PDB file of all heavy atoms in Angstrom:
ATOM      1  N   ASP A   1       6.296-106.645-105.753  1.00  0.00           N
ATOM      2  CA  ASP A   1       6.537-108.010-106.158  1.00  0.00           C
ATOM      3  C   ASP A   1       7.998-107.939-106.687  1.00  0.00           C
ATOM      4  O   ASP A   1       8.338-107.387-107.814  1.00  0.00           O
ATOM      5  CB  ASP A   1       5.629-108.306-107.378  1.00  0.00           C
ATOM      6  CG  ASP A   1       5.760-109.754-107.884  1.00  0.00           C
ATOM      7  OD1 ASP A   1       6.824-110.314-107.691  1.00  0.00           O
ATOM      8  OD2 ASP A   1       4.737-110.279-108.416  1.00  0.00           O
ATOM      9  N   ASN A   2       8.927-108.490-105.914  1.00  0.00           N
ATOM     10  CA  ASN A   2      10.313-108.462-106.266  1.00  0.00           C
ATOM     11  C   ASN A   2      10.728-109.192-107.486  1.00  0.00           C
ATOM     12  O   ASN A   2      11.592-108.792-108.240  1.00  0.00           O
ATOM     13  CB  ASN A   2      11.114-109.041-105.110  1.00  0.00           C
ATOM     14  CG  ASN A   2      11.037-108.134-103.803  1.00  0.00           C
ATOM     15  OD1 ASN A   2      10.917-106.891-103.912  1.00  0.00           O
ATOM     16  ND2 ASN A   2      11.195-108.753-102.669  1.00  0.00           N
ATOM     17  N   ALA A   3       9.909-110.274-107.845  1.00  0.00           N
ATOM     18  CA  ALA A   3      10.134-111.068-109.022  1.00  0.00           C
ATOM     19  C   ALA A   3       9.821-110.256-110.242  1.00  0.00           C
ATOM     20  O   ALA A   3      10.505-110.569-111.316  1.00  0.00           O
ATOM     21  CB  ALA A   3       9.393-112.364-109.021  1.00  0.00           C
ATOM     22  N   LYS A   4       9.028-109.286-110.199  1.00  0.00           N
ATOM     23  CA  LYS A   4       8.639-108.457-111.288  1.00  0.00           C
ATOM     24  C   LYS A   4       9.160-107.063-111.288  1.00  0.00           C
ATOM     25  O   LYS A   4       8.866-106.226-112.128  1.00  0.00           O
ATOM     26  CB  LYS A   4       7.032-108.389-111.442  1.00  0.00           C
ATOM     27  CG  LYS A   4       6.304-109.643-111.646  1.00  0.00           C
ATOM     28  CD  LYS A   4       4.859-109.519-111.677  1.00  0.00           C
ATOM     29  CE  LYS A   4       4.147-110.767-111.997  1.00  0.00           C
ATOM     30  NZ  LYS A   4       2.637-110.561-112.046  1.00  0.00           N
ATOM     31  N   ASN A   5       9.967-106.836-110.158  1.00  0.00           N
ATOM     32  CA  ASN A   5      10.584-105.372-109.975  1.00  0.00           C
ATOM     33  C   ASN A   5       9.521-104.335-110.115  1.00  0.00           C
ATOM     34  O   ASN A   5       9.644-103.253-110.657  1.00  0.00           O
ATOM     35  CB  ASN A   5      11.680-105.184-111.082  1.00  0.00           C
ATOM     36  CG  ASN A   5      12.889-105.978-110.807  1.00  0.00           C
ATOM     37  OD1 ASN A   5      13.175-106.396-109.672  1.00  0.00           O
ATOM     38  ND2 ASN A   5      13.756-106.040-111.732  1.00  0.00           N
ATOM     39  N   THR A   6       8.290-104.710-109.416  1.00  0.00           N
ATOM     40  CA  THR A   6       7.249-103.778-109.487  1.00  0.00           C
ATOM     41  C   THR A   6       6.672-103.466-108.055  1.00  0.00           C
ATOM     42  O   THR A   6       6.634-104.287-107.153  1.00  0.00           O
ATOM     43  CB  THR A   6       6.056-104.488-110.290  1.00  0.00           C
ATOM     44  OG1 THR A   6       6.471-104.785-111.551  1.00  0.00           O
ATOM     45  CG2 THR A   6       4.829-103.543-110.399  1.00  0.00           C
ATOM     46  N   MET A   7       6.289-102.119-107.903  1.00  0.00           N
ATOM     47  CA  MET A   7       5.673-101.720-106.680  1.00  0.00           C
ATOM     48  C   MET A   7       4.221-101.191-106.978  1.00  0.00           C
ATOM     49  O   MET A   7       4.028-100.627-108.008  1.00  0.00           O
ATOM     50  CB  MET A   7       6.549-100.527-106.146  1.00  0.00           C
ATOM     51  CG  MET A   7       5.899 -99.839-104.815  1.00  0.00           C
ATOM     52  SD  MET A   7       6.969 -98.457-104.306  1.00  0.00           S
ATOM     53  CE  MET A   7       6.995 -97.331-105.659  1.00  0.00           C
ATOM     54  N   TYR A   8       3.418-101.326-105.920  1.00  0.00           N
ATOM     55  CA  TYR A   8       1.982-100.901-106.191  1.00  0.00           C
ATOM     56  C   TYR A   8       1.538 -99.911-105.015  1.00  0.00           C
ATOM     57  O   TYR A   8       2.164-100.043-103.938  1.00  0.00           O
ATOM     58  CB  TYR A   8       1.065-102.056-106.085  1.00  0.00           C
ATOM     59  CG  TYR A   8       1.507-103.200-107.070  1.00  0.00           C
ATOM     60  CD1 TYR A   8       2.314-104.230-106.647  1.00  0.00           C
ATOM     61  CD2 TYR A   8       1.040-103.170-108.368  1.00  0.00           C
ATOM     62  CE1 TYR A   8       2.550-105.312-107.532  1.00  0.00           C
ATOM     63  CE2 TYR A   8       1.433-104.245-109.304  1.00  0.00           C
ATOM     64  CZ  TYR A   8       2.192-105.247-108.839  1.00  0.00           C
ATOM     65  OH  TYR A   8       2.611-106.249-109.661  1.00  0.00           O
ATOM     66  N   LEU A   9       0.558 -99.132-105.321  1.00  0.00           N
ATOM     67  CA  LEU A   9      -0.004 -98.330-104.240  1.00  0.00           C
ATOM     68  C   LEU A   9      -1.533 -98.388-104.431  1.00  0.00           C
ATOM     69  O   LEU A   9      -2.045 -97.859-105.369  1.00  0.00           O
ATOM     70  CB  LEU A   9       0.538 -96.842-104.397  1.00  0.00           C
ATOM     71  CG  LEU A   9      -0.151 -95.880-103.348  1.00  0.00           C
ATOM     72  CD1 LEU A   9       0.544 -96.239-101.926  1.00  0.00           C
ATOM     73  CD2 LEU A   9       0.252 -94.414-103.624  1.00  0.00           C
ATOM     74  N   GLN A  10      -2.207 -98.982-103.473  1.00  0.00           N
ATOM     75  CA  GLN A  10      -3.617 -98.999-103.453  1.00  0.00           C
ATOM     76  C   GLN A  10      -4.205 -97.882-102.613  1.00  0.00           C
ATOM     77  O   GLN A  10      -3.851 -97.746-101.459  1.00  0.00           O
ATOM     78  CB  GLN A  10      -4.128-100.360-102.883  1.00  0.00           C
ATOM     79  CG  GLN A  10      -5.672-100.511-102.825  1.00  0.00           C
ATOM     80  CD  GLN A  10      -6.312-100.439-104.235  1.00  0.00           C
ATOM     81  OE1 GLN A  10      -5.771-101.046-105.154  1.00  0.00           O
ATOM     82  NE2 GLN A  10      -7.333 -99.697-104.270  1.00  0.00           N
ATOM     83  N   MET A  11      -4.908 -97.026-103.271  1.00  0.00           N
ATOM     84  CA  MET A  11      -5.427 -95.796-102.653  1.00  0.00           C
ATOM     85  C   MET A  11      -6.967 -95.920-102.360  1.00  0.00           C
ATOM     86  O   MET A  11      -7.721 -96.027-103.372  1.00  0.00           O
ATOM     87  CB  MET A  11      -5.088 -94.535-103.403  1.00  0.00           C
ATOM     88  CG  MET A  11      -3.578 -94.475-103.662  1.00  0.00           C
ATOM     89  SD  MET A  11      -3.207 -92.850-104.585  1.00  0.00           S
ATOM     90  CE  MET A  11      -3.903 -93.231-106.233  1.00  0.00           C
ATOM     91  N   ASN A  12      -7.404 -95.848-101.127  1.00  0.00           N
ATOM     92  CA  ASN A  12      -8.816 -95.944-100.871  1.00  0.00           C
ATOM     93  C   ASN A  12      -9.237 -94.660-100.131  1.00  0.00           C
ATOM     94  O   ASN A  12      -8.421 -93.919 -99.626  1.00  0.00           O
ATOM     95  CB  ASN A  12      -9.138 -97.105 -99.955  1.00  0.00           C
ATOM     96  CG  ASN A  12      -8.778 -98.461-100.520  1.00  0.00           C
ATOM     97  OD1 ASN A  12      -8.922 -98.659-101.790  1.00  0.00           O
ATOM     98  ND2 ASN A  12      -8.218 -99.492 -99.854  1.00  0.00           N
ATOM     99  N   SER A  13     -10.569 -94.422-100.101  1.00  0.00           N
ATOM    100  CA  SER A  13     -11.161 -93.260 -99.327  1.00  0.00           C
ATOM    101  C   SER A  13     -10.457 -92.029 -99.890  1.00  0.00           C
ATOM    102  O   SER A  13     -10.003 -91.182 -99.050  1.00  0.00           O
ATOM    103  CB  SER A  13     -11.021 -93.445 -97.902  1.00  0.00           C
ATOM    104  OG  SER A  13     -11.696 -94.623 -97.489  1.00  0.00           O
ATOM    105  N   LEU A  14     -10.278 -91.786-101.127  1.00  0.00           N
ATOM    106  CA  LEU A  14      -9.526 -90.651-101.655  1.00  0.00           C
ATOM    107  C   LEU A  14     -10.259 -89.321-101.376  1.00  0.00           C
ATOM    108  O   LEU A  14     -11.479 -89.253-101.373  1.00  0.00           O
ATOM    109  CB  LEU A  14      -9.421 -90.798-103.202  1.00  0.00           C
ATOM    110  CG  LEU A  14      -8.324 -91.830-103.585  1.00  0.00           C
ATOM    111  CD1 LEU A  14      -8.473 -92.300-105.043  1.00  0.00           C
ATOM    112  CD2 LEU A  14      -6.982 -91.225-103.357  1.00  0.00           C
ATOM    113  N   LYS A  15      -9.403 -88.319-101.125  1.00  0.00           N
ATOM    114  CA  LYS A  15      -9.901 -86.998-100.839  1.00  0.00           C
ATOM    115  C   LYS A  15      -9.292 -85.990-101.809  1.00  0.00           C
ATOM    116  O   LYS A  15      -8.371 -86.281-102.471  1.00  0.00           O
ATOM    117  CB  LYS A  15      -9.364 -86.615 -99.374  1.00  0.00           C
ATOM    118  CG  LYS A  15      -9.708 -87.537 -98.246  1.00  0.00           C
ATOM    119  CD  LYS A  15      -9.021 -87.135 -96.941  1.00  0.00           C
ATOM    120  CE  LYS A  15      -9.363 -88.057 -95.852  1.00  0.00           C
ATOM    121  NZ  LYS A  15      -8.683 -87.673 -94.589  1.00  0.00           N
ATOM    122  N   PRO A  16     -10.015 -84.847-102.004  1.00  0.00           N
ATOM    123  CA  PRO A  16      -9.576 -83.897-102.936  1.00  0.00           C
ATOM    124  C   PRO A  16      -8.038 -83.455-102.653  1.00  0.00           C
ATOM    125  O   PRO A  16      -7.368 -83.181-103.620  1.00  0.00           O
ATOM    126  CB  PRO A  16     -10.482 -82.657-102.701  1.00  0.00           C
ATOM    127  CG  PRO A  16     -11.752 -83.328-102.273  1.00  0.00           C
ATOM    128  CD  PRO A  16     -11.340 -84.472-101.478  1.00  0.00           C
ATOM    129  N   GLU A  17      -7.652 -83.460-101.452  1.00  0.00           N
ATOM    130  CA  GLU A  17      -6.331 -83.111-101.137  1.00  0.00           C
ATOM    131  C   GLU A  17      -5.295 -84.098-101.571  1.00  0.00           C
ATOM    132  O   GLU A  17      -4.036 -83.871-101.443  1.00  0.00           O
ATOM    133  CB  GLU A  17      -6.091 -82.648 -99.668  1.00  0.00           C
ATOM    134  CG  GLU A  17      -6.635 -83.917 -98.710  1.00  0.00           C
ATOM    135  CD  GLU A  17      -8.086 -83.440 -98.180  1.00  0.00           C
ATOM    136  OE1 GLU A  17      -8.865 -83.061 -98.952  1.00  0.00           O
ATOM    137  OE2 GLU A  17      -8.307 -83.614 -96.975  1.00  0.00           O
ATOM    138  N   ASP A  18      -5.710 -85.306-102.022  1.00  0.00           N
ATOM    139  CA  ASP A  18      -4.824 -86.335-102.499  1.00  0.00           C
ATOM    140  C   ASP A  18      -4.452 -85.992-103.996  1.00  0.00           C
ATOM    141  O   ASP A  18      -3.619 -86.748-104.550  1.00  0.00           O
ATOM    142  CB  ASP A  18      -5.452 -87.676-102.423  1.00  0.00           C
ATOM    143  CG  ASP A  18      -5.583 -88.228-101.062  1.00  0.00           C
ATOM    144  OD1 ASP A  18      -4.716 -87.922-100.198  1.00  0.00           O
ATOM    145  OD2 ASP A  18      -6.652 -88.812-100.761  1.00  0.00           O
ATOM    146  N   THR A  19      -5.114 -85.000-104.573  1.00  0.00           N
ATOM    147  CA  THR A  19      -4.826 -84.599-105.947  1.00  0.00           C
ATOM    148  C   THR A  19      -3.315 -84.216-106.102  1.00  0.00           C
ATOM    149  O   THR A  19      -2.872 -83.303-105.445  1.00  0.00           O
ATOM    150  CB  THR A  19      -5.791 -83.513-106.475  1.00  0.00           C
ATOM    151  OG1 THR A  19      -7.151 -84.020-106.420  1.00  0.00           O
ATOM    152  CG2 THR A  19      -5.429 -83.007-107.862  1.00  0.00           C
ATOM    153  N   ALA A  20      -2.658 -84.844-107.098  1.00  0.00           N
ATOM    154  CA  ALA A  20      -1.186 -84.532-107.223  1.00  0.00           C
ATOM    155  C   ALA A  20      -0.663 -85.407-108.301  1.00  0.00           C
ATOM    156  O   ALA A  20      -1.316 -86.352-108.855  1.00  0.00           O
ATOM    157  CB  ALA A  20      -0.403 -84.759-105.955  1.00  0.00           C
ATOM    158  N   VAL A  21       0.534 -85.098-108.792  1.00  0.00           N
ATOM    159  CA  VAL A  21       1.303 -86.019-109.641  1.00  0.00           C
ATOM    160  C   VAL A  21       2.106 -86.913-108.724  1.00  0.00           C
ATOM    161  O   VAL A  21       2.831 -86.554-107.812  1.00  0.00           O
ATOM    162  CB  VAL A  21       2.298 -85.283-110.523  1.00  0.00           C
ATOM    163  CG1 VAL A  21       3.123 -86.236-111.394  1.00  0.00           C
ATOM    164  CG2 VAL A  21       1.510 -84.249-111.478  1.00  0.00           C
ATOM    165  N   TYR A  22       1.922 -88.257-108.894  1.00  0.00           N
ATOM    166  CA  TYR A  22       2.512 -89.211-108.079  1.00  0.00           C
ATOM    167  C   TYR A  22       3.752 -89.830-108.789  1.00  0.00           C
ATOM    168  O   TYR A  22       3.677 -90.267-109.963  1.00  0.00           O
ATOM    169  CB  TYR A  22       1.494 -90.382-107.814  1.00  0.00           C
ATOM    170  CG  TYR A  22       0.508 -90.021-106.686  1.00  0.00           C
ATOM    171  CD1 TYR A  22      -0.463 -89.074-106.982  1.00  0.00           C
ATOM    172  CD2 TYR A  22       0.595 -90.578-105.440  1.00  0.00           C
ATOM    173  CE1 TYR A  22      -1.327 -88.591-106.029  1.00  0.00           C
ATOM    174  CE2 TYR A  22      -0.276 -90.158-104.433  1.00  0.00           C
ATOM    175  CZ  TYR A  22      -1.304 -89.264-104.767  1.00  0.00           C
ATOM    176  OH  TYR A  22      -2.222 -88.842-103.699  1.00  0.00           O
ATOM    177  N   TYR A  23       4.876 -89.770-108.160  1.00  0.00           N
ATOM    178  CA  TYR A  23       6.081 -90.325-108.752  1.00  0.00           C
ATOM    179  C   TYR A  23       6.668 -91.591-108.046  1.00  0.00           C
ATOM    180  O   TYR A  23       6.529 -91.662-106.811  1.00  0.00           O
ATOM    181  CB  TYR A  23       7.293 -89.146-108.571  1.00  0.00           C
ATOM    182  CG  TYR A  23       6.906 -87.860-109.326  1.00  0.00           C
ATOM    183  CD1 TYR A  23       6.208 -86.897-108.744  1.00  0.00           C
ATOM    184  CD2 TYR A  23       7.267 -87.785-110.672  1.00  0.00           C
ATOM    185  CE1 TYR A  23       6.025 -85.685-109.297  1.00  0.00           C
ATOM    186  CE2 TYR A  23       7.094 -86.551-111.358  1.00  0.00           C
ATOM    187  CZ  TYR A  23       6.408 -85.526-110.728  1.00  0.00           C
ATOM    188  OH  TYR A  23       6.228 -84.394-111.410  1.00  0.00           O
ATOM    189  N   CYS A  24       7.269 -92.445-108.775  1.00  0.00           N
ATOM    190  CA  CYS A  24       7.906 -93.550-108.239  1.00  0.00           C
ATOM    191  C   CYS A  24       9.386 -93.399-108.131  1.00  0.00           C
ATOM    192  O   CYS A  24      10.057 -92.733-108.992  1.00  0.00           O
ATOM    193  CB  CYS A  24       7.650 -94.762-109.285  1.00  0.00           C
ATOM    194  SG  CYS A  24       8.524 -96.353-108.737  1.00  0.00           S
ATOM    195  N   ASN A  25       9.998 -93.832-106.985  1.00  0.00           N
ATOM    196  CA  ASN A  25      11.451 -93.722-106.679  1.00  0.00           C
ATOM    197  C   ASN A  25      11.914 -95.165-106.288  1.00  0.00           C
ATOM    198  O   ASN A  25      11.227 -95.894-105.551  1.00  0.00           O
ATOM    199  CB  ASN A  25      11.682 -92.692-105.687  1.00  0.00           C
ATOM    200  CG  ASN A  25      13.093 -92.754-105.274  1.00  0.00           C
ATOM    201  OD1 ASN A  25      13.633 -93.397-104.263  1.00  0.00           O
ATOM    202  ND2 ASN A  25      13.903 -91.846-105.891  1.00  0.00           N
ATOM    203  N   ALA A  26      13.117 -95.529-106.796  1.00  0.00           N
ATOM    204  CA  ALA A  26      13.679 -96.759-106.372  1.00  0.00           C
ATOM    205  C   ALA A  26      15.211 -96.524-105.975  1.00  0.00           C
ATOM    206  O   ALA A  26      15.900 -95.915-106.910  1.00  0.00           O
ATOM    207  CB  ALA A  26      13.531 -97.750-107.443  1.00  0.00           C
ATOM    208  N   VAL A  27      15.686 -96.955-104.889  1.00  0.00           N
ATOM    209  CA  VAL A  27      17.073 -97.066-104.574  1.00  0.00           C
ATOM    210  C   VAL A  27      17.580 -98.360-105.011  1.00  0.00           C
ATOM    211  O   VAL A  27      17.146 -99.464-104.575  1.00  0.00           O
ATOM    212  CB  VAL A  27      17.256 -96.785-103.080  1.00  0.00           C
ATOM    213  CG1 VAL A  27      18.750 -96.898-102.818  1.00  0.00           C
ATOM    214  CG2 VAL A  27      16.819 -95.500-102.693  1.00  0.00           C
ATOM    215  N   LEU A  28      18.587 -98.404-105.882  1.00  0.00           N
ATOM    216  CA  LEU A  28      19.026 -99.696-106.467  1.00  0.00           C
ATOM    217  C   LEU A  28      20.452 -99.693-106.879  1.00  0.00           C
ATOM    218  O   LEU A  28      21.083 -98.645-106.922  1.00  0.00           O
ATOM    219  CB  LEU A  28      18.182-100.066-107.687  1.00  0.00           C
ATOM    220  CG  LEU A  28      17.983 -99.053-108.764  1.00  0.00           C
ATOM    221  CD1 LEU A  28      19.214 -99.156-109.841  1.00  0.00           C
ATOM    222  CD2 LEU A  28      16.730 -99.252-109.557  1.00  0.00           C
ATOM    223  N   VAL A  29      20.992-100.904-107.251  1.00  0.00           N
ATOM    224  CA  VAL A  29      22.320-101.030-107.710  1.00  0.00           C
ATOM    225  C   VAL A  29      22.178-101.505-109.185  1.00  0.00           C
ATOM    226  O   VAL A  29      21.435-102.506-109.462  1.00  0.00           O
ATOM    227  CB  VAL A  29      23.152-102.071-106.903  1.00  0.00           C
ATOM    228  CG1 VAL A  29      24.473-102.328-107.627  1.00  0.00           C
ATOM    229  CG2 VAL A  29      23.364-101.557-105.598  1.00  0.00           C
ATOM    230  N   ALA A  30      22.624-100.687-110.195  1.00  0.00           N
ATOM    231  CA  ALA A  30      22.505-101.142-111.535  1.00  0.00           C
ATOM    232  C   ALA A  30      23.845-101.943-112.021  1.00  0.00           C
ATOM    233  O   ALA A  30      24.848-101.841-111.362  1.00  0.00           O
ATOM    234  CB  ALA A  30      22.417 -99.859-112.401  1.00  0.00           C
ATOM    235  N   GLN A  31      23.705-102.704-113.026  1.00  0.00           N
ATOM    236  CA  GLN A  31      24.726-103.505-113.498  1.00  0.00           C
ATOM    237  C   GLN A  31      25.938-102.604-113.924  1.00  0.00           C
ATOM    238  O   GLN A  31      25.669-101.567-114.608  1.00  0.00           O
ATOM    239  CB  GLN A  31      24.336-104.393-114.669  1.00  0.00           C
ATOM    240  CG  GLN A  31      25.357-105.358-115.169  1.00  0.00           C
ATOM    241  CD  GLN A  31      24.895-106.240-116.318  1.00  0.00           C
ATOM    242  OE1 GLN A  31      23.789-105.959-116.924  1.00  0.00           O
ATOM    243  NE2 GLN A  31      25.585-107.372-116.446  1.00  0.00           N
ATOM    244  N   GLY A  32      27.136-102.859-113.487  1.00  0.00           N
ATOM    245  CA  GLY A  32      28.276-102.078-113.955  1.00  0.00           C
ATOM    246  C   GLY A  32      28.565-100.986-112.972  1.00  0.00           C
ATOM    247  O   GLY A  32      29.495-100.151-113.202  1.00  0.00           O
ATOM    248  N   SER A  33      27.841-100.795-111.858  1.00  0.00           N
ATOM    249  CA  SER A  33      28.067 -99.679-110.941  1.00  0.00           C
ATOM    250  C   SER A  33      28.956 -99.931-109.796  1.00  0.00           C
ATOM    251  O   SER A  33      29.185 -99.147-108.954  1.00  0.00           O
ATOM    252  CB  SER A  33      26.656 -99.285-110.432  1.00  0.00           C
ATOM    253  OG  SER A  33      26.155-100.341-109.459  1.00  0.00           O
ATOM    254  N   LEU A  34      29.534-101.184-109.795  1.00  0.00           N
ATOM    255  CA  LEU A  34      30.416-101.544-108.617  1.00  0.00           C
ATOM    256  C   LEU A  34      29.725-101.440-107.329  1.00  0.00           C
ATOM    257  O   LEU A  34      30.323-101.078-106.299  1.00  0.00           O
ATOM    258  CB  LEU A  34      31.709-100.751-108.703  1.00  0.00           C
ATOM    259  CG  LEU A  34      32.610-100.846-109.933  1.00  0.00           C
ATOM    260  CD1 LEU A  34      33.755 -99.950-109.806  1.00  0.00           C
ATOM    261  CD2 LEU A  34      32.996-102.175-110.217  1.00  0.00           C
TER     262      LEU A  34
END
């Protein structure tokens, strides 16, 4: 949702091998970064 600067991940049919720490990453331009 670009208006909310939010990303979602819907995970279905989960398996034991999906067990992990999940991290969010964003490539962006911050204010003042030219």
